[in-house]
N, C-alpha and C. Protein backbone atom coordinates (compact mmCIF):
# COMPACT_ATOMS: atom_id res chain seq x y z
N MET A 1 0.83 -1.18 0.00
CA MET A 1 0.00 0.00 0.00
C MET A 1 0.88 1.25 0.00
N LYS A 2 0.53 2.22 -0.80
CA LYS A 2 1.31 3.45 -0.89
C LYS A 2 0.79 4.47 0.12
N PHE A 3 1.73 5.28 0.64
CA PHE A 3 1.40 6.30 1.62
C PHE A 3 1.91 7.65 1.15
N LEU A 4 1.22 8.70 1.56
CA LEU A 4 1.68 10.06 1.35
C LEU A 4 2.47 10.45 2.60
N HIS A 5 3.71 10.86 2.40
CA HIS A 5 4.60 11.23 3.50
C HIS A 5 4.88 12.73 3.43
N ILE A 6 4.78 13.39 4.57
CA ILE A 6 5.23 14.78 4.69
C ILE A 6 6.49 14.71 5.55
N VAL A 7 7.58 15.20 5.00
CA VAL A 7 8.89 15.12 5.67
C VAL A 7 9.54 16.50 5.62
N TYR A 8 10.67 16.63 6.33
CA TYR A 8 11.41 17.88 6.27
C TYR A 8 12.90 17.62 6.29
N CYS A 9 13.63 18.64 5.87
CA CYS A 9 15.09 18.62 5.96
C CYS A 9 15.55 20.05 6.20
N GLU A 10 16.82 20.21 6.51
CA GLU A 10 17.38 21.55 6.66
C GLU A 10 17.32 22.24 5.30
N LYS A 11 17.07 23.53 5.31
CA LYS A 11 16.93 24.27 4.05
C LYS A 11 18.18 24.19 3.18
N ASP A 12 19.35 24.26 3.80
CA ASP A 12 20.58 24.21 3.01
C ASP A 12 20.92 22.79 2.55
N ALA A 13 20.36 21.77 3.17
CA ALA A 13 20.63 20.38 2.78
C ALA A 13 20.09 20.07 1.38
N ILE A 14 19.01 20.70 1.00
CA ILE A 14 18.41 20.44 -0.30
C ILE A 14 19.30 20.92 -1.44
N ASN A 15 20.19 21.87 -1.16
CA ASN A 15 21.10 22.39 -2.18
C ASN A 15 22.31 21.50 -2.40
N GLN A 16 22.53 20.54 -1.49
CA GLN A 16 23.65 19.62 -1.66
C GLN A 16 23.34 18.66 -2.80
N LEU A 17 24.39 18.17 -3.42
CA LEU A 17 24.19 17.26 -4.55
C LEU A 17 23.70 15.88 -4.10
N HIS A 18 24.03 15.47 -2.89
CA HIS A 18 23.69 14.13 -2.43
C HIS A 18 22.90 14.19 -1.12
N LEU A 19 21.65 14.55 -1.23
CA LEU A 19 20.76 14.53 -0.06
C LEU A 19 20.42 13.07 0.22
N SER A 20 20.56 12.64 1.46
CA SER A 20 20.32 11.23 1.79
C SER A 20 19.11 11.08 2.69
N ASP A 21 18.67 9.84 2.85
CA ASP A 21 17.54 9.53 3.72
C ASP A 21 17.79 9.95 5.16
N THR A 22 19.03 9.96 5.59
CA THR A 22 19.35 10.31 6.98
C THR A 22 19.15 11.80 7.25
N GLN A 23 19.11 12.62 6.21
CA GLN A 23 18.91 14.05 6.38
C GLN A 23 17.44 14.44 6.36
N ILE A 24 16.56 13.45 6.22
CA ILE A 24 15.13 13.69 6.12
C ILE A 24 14.43 13.12 7.36
N SER A 25 13.52 13.91 7.93
CA SER A 25 12.76 13.47 9.10
C SER A 25 11.27 13.49 8.77
N LYS A 26 10.54 12.51 9.28
CA LYS A 26 9.11 12.37 8.98
C LYS A 26 8.29 13.29 9.87
N VAL A 27 7.27 13.93 9.29
CA VAL A 27 6.34 14.77 10.02
C VAL A 27 4.98 14.08 10.10
N HIS A 28 4.52 13.54 8.97
CA HIS A 28 3.19 12.93 8.90
C HIS A 28 3.20 11.87 7.81
N GLN A 29 2.40 10.84 8.00
CA GLN A 29 2.24 9.78 7.00
C GLN A 29 0.80 9.30 7.04
N ALA A 30 0.20 9.11 5.87
CA ALA A 30 -1.18 8.62 5.80
C ALA A 30 -1.36 7.87 4.50
N PRO A 31 -2.31 6.91 4.48
CA PRO A 31 -2.60 6.22 3.21
C PRO A 31 -3.01 7.23 2.15
N ILE A 32 -2.75 6.88 0.91
CA ILE A 32 -3.09 7.78 -0.20
C ILE A 32 -4.58 8.10 -0.16
N GLU A 33 -4.87 9.37 -0.23
CA GLU A 33 -6.22 9.90 -0.38
C GLU A 33 -6.18 10.55 -1.75
N HIS A 34 -6.83 9.97 -2.73
CA HIS A 34 -6.60 10.37 -4.13
C HIS A 34 -6.86 11.84 -4.42
N ALA A 35 -7.90 12.39 -3.85
CA ALA A 35 -8.19 13.81 -4.09
C ALA A 35 -7.07 14.70 -3.55
N ILE A 36 -6.51 14.31 -2.40
CA ILE A 36 -5.41 15.07 -1.79
C ILE A 36 -4.13 14.92 -2.60
N VAL A 37 -3.81 13.71 -3.01
CA VAL A 37 -2.61 13.46 -3.82
C VAL A 37 -2.72 14.21 -5.15
N HIS A 38 -3.90 14.20 -5.73
CA HIS A 38 -4.14 14.91 -6.99
C HIS A 38 -3.87 16.41 -6.81
N TRP A 39 -4.35 17.00 -5.70
CA TRP A 39 -4.12 18.41 -5.43
C TRP A 39 -2.62 18.67 -5.28
N MET A 40 -1.95 17.80 -4.54
CA MET A 40 -0.50 17.95 -4.33
C MET A 40 0.25 17.93 -5.66
N ARG A 41 -0.07 16.99 -6.51
CA ARG A 41 0.63 16.86 -7.79
C ARG A 41 0.44 18.10 -8.67
N LYS A 42 -0.73 18.75 -8.55
CA LYS A 42 -1.01 19.91 -9.38
C LYS A 42 -0.46 21.22 -8.79
N ASN A 43 -0.20 21.25 -7.49
CA ASN A 43 0.10 22.52 -6.84
C ASN A 43 1.47 22.65 -6.20
N VAL A 44 2.23 21.59 -6.09
CA VAL A 44 3.57 21.71 -5.52
C VAL A 44 4.61 21.37 -6.58
N VAL A 45 5.84 21.87 -6.39
CA VAL A 45 6.86 21.70 -7.43
C VAL A 45 7.86 20.62 -7.05
N LEU A 46 8.44 20.03 -8.05
CA LEU A 46 9.39 18.93 -7.90
C LEU A 46 10.81 19.47 -7.68
N PRO A 47 11.39 19.25 -6.47
CA PRO A 47 12.75 19.74 -6.29
C PRO A 47 13.84 18.69 -6.49
N ILE A 48 13.58 17.42 -6.08
CA ILE A 48 14.70 16.48 -6.03
C ILE A 48 14.20 15.04 -6.00
N GLU A 49 15.07 14.13 -6.46
CA GLU A 49 14.82 12.70 -6.34
C GLU A 49 15.86 12.12 -5.41
N ILE A 50 15.42 11.32 -4.44
CA ILE A 50 16.33 10.67 -3.50
C ILE A 50 16.02 9.19 -3.53
N ASN A 51 17.01 8.38 -3.88
CA ASN A 51 16.83 6.93 -3.99
C ASN A 51 15.61 6.58 -4.84
N SER A 52 15.48 7.21 -5.98
CA SER A 52 14.41 7.05 -6.96
C SER A 52 13.01 7.36 -6.41
N ILE A 53 12.94 8.15 -5.36
CA ILE A 53 11.65 8.62 -4.83
C ILE A 53 11.56 10.11 -5.12
N THR A 54 10.44 10.55 -5.68
CA THR A 54 10.24 11.94 -6.03
C THR A 54 9.72 12.71 -4.83
N TYR A 55 10.44 13.76 -4.45
CA TYR A 55 10.04 14.64 -3.34
C TYR A 55 9.60 15.98 -3.91
N TYR A 56 8.45 16.47 -3.43
CA TYR A 56 7.91 17.75 -3.88
C TYR A 56 8.10 18.79 -2.79
N ASP A 57 8.51 19.98 -3.16
CA ASP A 57 8.66 21.08 -2.23
C ASP A 57 7.27 21.52 -1.78
N PHE A 58 7.10 21.78 -0.49
CA PHE A 58 5.81 22.16 0.07
C PHE A 58 6.01 23.43 0.92
N PRO A 59 6.16 24.59 0.25
CA PRO A 59 6.45 25.83 0.97
C PRO A 59 5.24 26.32 1.79
N LYS A 60 5.50 27.25 2.68
CA LYS A 60 4.48 27.72 3.61
C LYS A 60 3.23 28.25 2.91
N ASP A 61 3.38 29.00 1.82
CA ASP A 61 2.20 29.53 1.13
C ASP A 61 1.32 28.42 0.58
N LYS A 62 1.92 27.33 0.11
CA LYS A 62 1.15 26.19 -0.38
C LYS A 62 0.50 25.42 0.77
N VAL A 63 1.20 25.34 1.91
CA VAL A 63 0.64 24.67 3.09
C VAL A 63 -0.60 25.44 3.55
N GLU A 64 -0.51 26.78 3.58
CA GLU A 64 -1.66 27.60 3.99
C GLU A 64 -2.82 27.45 3.01
N LEU A 65 -2.53 27.45 1.72
CA LEU A 65 -3.57 27.26 0.71
C LEU A 65 -4.22 25.89 0.86
N PHE A 66 -3.42 24.87 1.06
CA PHE A 66 -3.92 23.51 1.24
C PHE A 66 -4.82 23.43 2.48
N TYR A 67 -4.40 24.05 3.56
CA TYR A 67 -5.19 24.06 4.80
C TYR A 67 -6.55 24.71 4.55
N ASP A 68 -6.57 25.83 3.84
CA ASP A 68 -7.83 26.52 3.54
C ASP A 68 -8.75 25.64 2.69
N ILE A 69 -8.19 24.97 1.71
CA ILE A 69 -9.00 24.09 0.84
C ILE A 69 -9.54 22.90 1.62
N LEU A 70 -8.70 22.31 2.48
CA LEU A 70 -9.16 21.21 3.32
C LEU A 70 -10.32 21.64 4.21
N THR A 71 -10.21 22.82 4.79
CA THR A 71 -11.26 23.34 5.67
C THR A 71 -12.56 23.55 4.90
N LYS A 72 -12.48 24.13 3.71
CA LYS A 72 -13.68 24.33 2.88
C LYS A 72 -14.29 23.00 2.47
N ALA A 73 -13.45 22.05 2.09
CA ALA A 73 -13.94 20.73 1.67
C ALA A 73 -14.63 20.02 2.83
N HIS A 74 -14.03 20.10 4.02
CA HIS A 74 -14.63 19.44 5.19
C HIS A 74 -15.94 20.10 5.59
N ALA A 75 -16.06 21.41 5.41
CA ALA A 75 -17.28 22.13 5.75
C ALA A 75 -18.47 21.66 4.90
N GLN A 76 -18.20 21.06 3.75
CA GLN A 76 -19.28 20.54 2.90
C GLN A 76 -20.10 19.47 3.61
N GLN A 77 -19.50 18.80 4.58
CA GLN A 77 -20.18 17.73 5.30
C GLN A 77 -21.45 18.25 5.98
N SER A 78 -21.43 19.49 6.46
CA SER A 78 -22.58 20.02 7.19
C SER A 78 -23.62 20.67 6.29
N GLN A 79 -23.37 20.71 5.00
CA GLN A 79 -24.33 21.30 4.07
C GLN A 79 -25.50 20.35 3.82
N GLN A 80 -26.66 20.91 3.50
CA GLN A 80 -27.83 20.06 3.24
C GLN A 80 -27.61 19.13 2.07
N SER A 81 -27.04 19.64 1.01
CA SER A 81 -26.70 18.78 -0.12
C SER A 81 -25.17 18.77 -0.23
N ALA A 82 -24.57 17.96 0.63
CA ALA A 82 -23.10 17.91 0.69
C ALA A 82 -22.52 17.45 -0.64
N ARG A 83 -21.47 18.13 -1.06
CA ARG A 83 -20.74 17.74 -2.27
C ARG A 83 -19.29 17.51 -1.86
N PRO A 84 -18.96 16.30 -1.42
CA PRO A 84 -17.65 16.05 -0.83
C PRO A 84 -16.47 16.42 -1.73
N TRP A 85 -16.62 16.34 -3.04
CA TRP A 85 -15.48 16.57 -3.92
C TRP A 85 -15.53 17.93 -4.61
N LYS A 86 -16.27 18.88 -4.02
CA LYS A 86 -16.38 20.21 -4.63
C LYS A 86 -15.01 20.91 -4.67
N TYR A 87 -14.25 20.85 -3.59
CA TYR A 87 -12.96 21.55 -3.52
C TYR A 87 -11.77 20.64 -3.80
N LEU A 88 -11.92 19.36 -3.52
CA LEU A 88 -10.85 18.38 -3.78
C LEU A 88 -11.45 17.25 -4.61
N PRO A 89 -11.55 17.45 -5.93
CA PRO A 89 -12.20 16.43 -6.76
C PRO A 89 -11.36 15.16 -6.93
N ILE A 90 -12.05 14.06 -7.14
CA ILE A 90 -11.38 12.80 -7.48
C ILE A 90 -10.73 13.01 -8.85
N PRO A 91 -9.47 12.64 -9.01
CA PRO A 91 -8.78 12.89 -10.29
C PRO A 91 -9.30 12.01 -11.43
N ASP A 92 -9.06 12.50 -12.62
CA ASP A 92 -9.36 11.74 -13.83
C ASP A 92 -8.31 10.64 -13.94
N GLU A 93 -8.76 9.41 -14.08
CA GLU A 93 -7.82 8.28 -14.08
C GLU A 93 -6.84 8.30 -15.25
N GLU A 94 -7.15 9.03 -16.30
CA GLU A 94 -6.26 9.06 -17.46
C GLU A 94 -4.99 9.87 -17.19
N GLU A 95 -5.08 10.89 -16.34
CA GLU A 95 -3.91 11.73 -16.08
C GLU A 95 -3.32 11.49 -14.69
N TYR A 96 -3.78 10.48 -14.02
CA TYR A 96 -3.38 10.21 -12.63
C TYR A 96 -2.71 8.84 -12.55
N PRO A 97 -1.51 8.74 -11.95
CA PRO A 97 -0.74 7.50 -12.02
C PRO A 97 -1.14 6.39 -11.04
N TYR A 98 -2.04 6.67 -10.10
CA TYR A 98 -2.40 5.65 -9.09
C TYR A 98 -3.80 5.11 -9.36
N LYS A 99 -3.97 3.81 -9.21
CA LYS A 99 -5.26 3.16 -9.48
C LYS A 99 -6.29 3.61 -8.44
N ILE A 100 -7.46 4.04 -8.92
CA ILE A 100 -8.53 4.49 -8.04
C ILE A 100 -9.60 3.40 -8.00
N ALA A 101 -9.87 2.89 -6.82
CA ALA A 101 -10.91 1.87 -6.66
C ALA A 101 -12.28 2.51 -6.86
N GLU A 102 -13.23 1.76 -7.40
CA GLU A 102 -14.56 2.28 -7.66
C GLU A 102 -15.25 2.77 -6.39
N TYR A 103 -15.08 2.05 -5.27
CA TYR A 103 -15.77 2.44 -4.05
C TYR A 103 -15.33 3.81 -3.55
N GLU A 104 -14.14 4.25 -3.93
CA GLU A 104 -13.64 5.52 -3.43
C GLU A 104 -14.38 6.71 -4.02
N LYS A 105 -15.18 6.48 -5.03
CA LYS A 105 -15.97 7.56 -5.60
C LYS A 105 -17.27 7.76 -4.82
N GLU A 106 -17.53 6.91 -3.83
CA GLU A 106 -18.80 6.98 -3.10
C GLU A 106 -18.64 6.88 -1.59
N TYR A 107 -17.49 7.15 -1.04
CA TYR A 107 -17.26 6.89 0.37
C TYR A 107 -17.19 8.17 1.20
N GLY A 108 -18.25 8.92 1.23
CA GLY A 108 -18.31 10.22 1.89
C GLY A 108 -17.80 10.25 3.31
N THR A 109 -18.24 9.34 4.18
CA THR A 109 -17.85 9.37 5.59
C THR A 109 -16.35 9.21 5.76
N VAL A 110 -15.77 8.25 5.07
CA VAL A 110 -14.32 8.03 5.16
C VAL A 110 -13.57 9.24 4.63
N TYR A 111 -14.09 9.83 3.57
CA TYR A 111 -13.48 11.03 2.97
C TYR A 111 -13.40 12.15 3.99
N TYR A 112 -14.50 12.43 4.69
CA TYR A 112 -14.51 13.51 5.66
C TYR A 112 -13.62 13.21 6.86
N ASP A 113 -13.56 11.96 7.30
CA ASP A 113 -12.66 11.58 8.38
C ASP A 113 -11.21 11.83 7.98
N SER A 114 -10.89 11.47 6.75
CA SER A 114 -9.53 11.66 6.24
C SER A 114 -9.20 13.15 6.15
N LEU A 115 -10.14 13.95 5.66
CA LEU A 115 -9.91 15.39 5.59
C LEU A 115 -9.63 15.96 6.97
N TYR A 116 -10.39 15.51 7.96
CA TYR A 116 -10.21 16.01 9.32
C TYR A 116 -8.80 15.68 9.84
N LYS A 117 -8.31 14.48 9.54
CA LYS A 117 -6.97 14.10 9.97
C LYS A 117 -5.92 14.99 9.31
N TYR A 118 -6.09 15.29 8.03
CA TYR A 118 -5.15 16.18 7.35
C TYR A 118 -5.26 17.61 7.89
N ILE A 119 -6.48 18.08 8.18
CA ILE A 119 -6.65 19.41 8.76
C ILE A 119 -5.89 19.51 10.07
N THR A 120 -6.00 18.47 10.89
CA THR A 120 -5.30 18.46 12.17
C THR A 120 -3.79 18.49 11.97
N ALA A 121 -3.27 17.62 11.12
CA ALA A 121 -1.82 17.54 10.88
C ALA A 121 -1.29 18.84 10.29
N ILE A 122 -1.96 19.36 9.28
CA ILE A 122 -1.49 20.59 8.63
C ILE A 122 -1.61 21.78 9.58
N GLY A 123 -2.66 21.80 10.41
CA GLY A 123 -2.81 22.86 11.41
C GLY A 123 -1.65 22.88 12.39
N VAL A 124 -1.24 21.71 12.85
CA VAL A 124 -0.09 21.61 13.76
C VAL A 124 1.18 22.07 13.05
N ILE A 125 1.37 21.62 11.81
CA ILE A 125 2.55 22.03 11.04
C ILE A 125 2.61 23.56 10.92
N LEU A 126 1.48 24.18 10.61
CA LEU A 126 1.46 25.64 10.47
C LEU A 126 1.78 26.35 11.79
N GLN A 127 1.43 25.74 12.90
CA GLN A 127 1.67 26.36 14.20
C GLN A 127 3.12 26.23 14.66
N ILE A 128 3.77 25.09 14.40
CA ILE A 128 5.07 24.85 15.02
C ILE A 128 6.25 24.68 14.06
N PHE A 129 5.99 24.48 12.78
CA PHE A 129 7.09 24.22 11.86
C PHE A 129 7.87 25.50 11.56
N ASP A 130 9.18 25.40 11.53
CA ASP A 130 10.06 26.52 11.26
C ASP A 130 10.39 26.57 9.76
N PHE A 131 9.60 27.33 9.02
CA PHE A 131 9.78 27.42 7.58
C PHE A 131 11.01 28.25 7.20
N GLU A 132 11.58 28.98 8.16
CA GLU A 132 12.75 29.81 7.90
C GLU A 132 14.02 28.96 7.74
N THR A 133 14.15 27.91 8.55
CA THR A 133 15.39 27.12 8.53
C THR A 133 15.21 25.73 7.95
N LYS A 134 13.97 25.29 7.82
CA LYS A 134 13.71 23.93 7.33
C LYS A 134 12.81 23.97 6.11
N ARG A 135 12.88 22.91 5.34
CA ARG A 135 12.08 22.80 4.12
C ARG A 135 11.16 21.61 4.24
N LEU A 136 9.88 21.82 3.99
CA LEU A 136 8.89 20.76 4.04
C LEU A 136 8.80 20.12 2.65
N LEU A 137 8.78 18.79 2.62
CA LEU A 137 8.71 18.04 1.36
C LEU A 137 7.59 17.02 1.46
N VAL A 138 7.07 16.61 0.32
CA VAL A 138 6.02 15.60 0.25
C VAL A 138 6.45 14.53 -0.74
N CYS A 139 6.19 13.27 -0.42
CA CYS A 139 6.47 12.19 -1.36
C CYS A 139 5.44 11.09 -1.19
N ILE A 140 5.41 10.20 -2.16
CA ILE A 140 4.54 9.01 -2.10
C ILE A 140 5.42 7.81 -2.23
N LYS A 141 5.30 6.91 -1.25
CA LYS A 141 6.05 5.66 -1.33
C LYS A 141 5.34 4.59 -0.54
């Protein structure tokens, strides 16, 4: 099973030619949530490959934008005609590299629980992470 990992490293470490796994520390890990992974792929930039794993830069402005979108998407749960994928749509399988199970297009409760977990994790990151000296990265493995 593939997971989305949010990790960090020292800001100057990313400029080195040989960034290693030992220079990276884990912040958060969760099973792939396709709408979230799709948003990440469209909105964050590719800085480096380490041991054939692609890491995406996740700067503070993108973290704040992501947090706002997660909050709006989760708020749909309380609407009379909830539209769970209004802000974070399920990706089109033709342009998306991960297999999407059919049931994932209809699993509202699990979707909202997952959004809440990401809201919590990203909220903590925004409160305590030092974006001045460290760099936040995202990968799937």
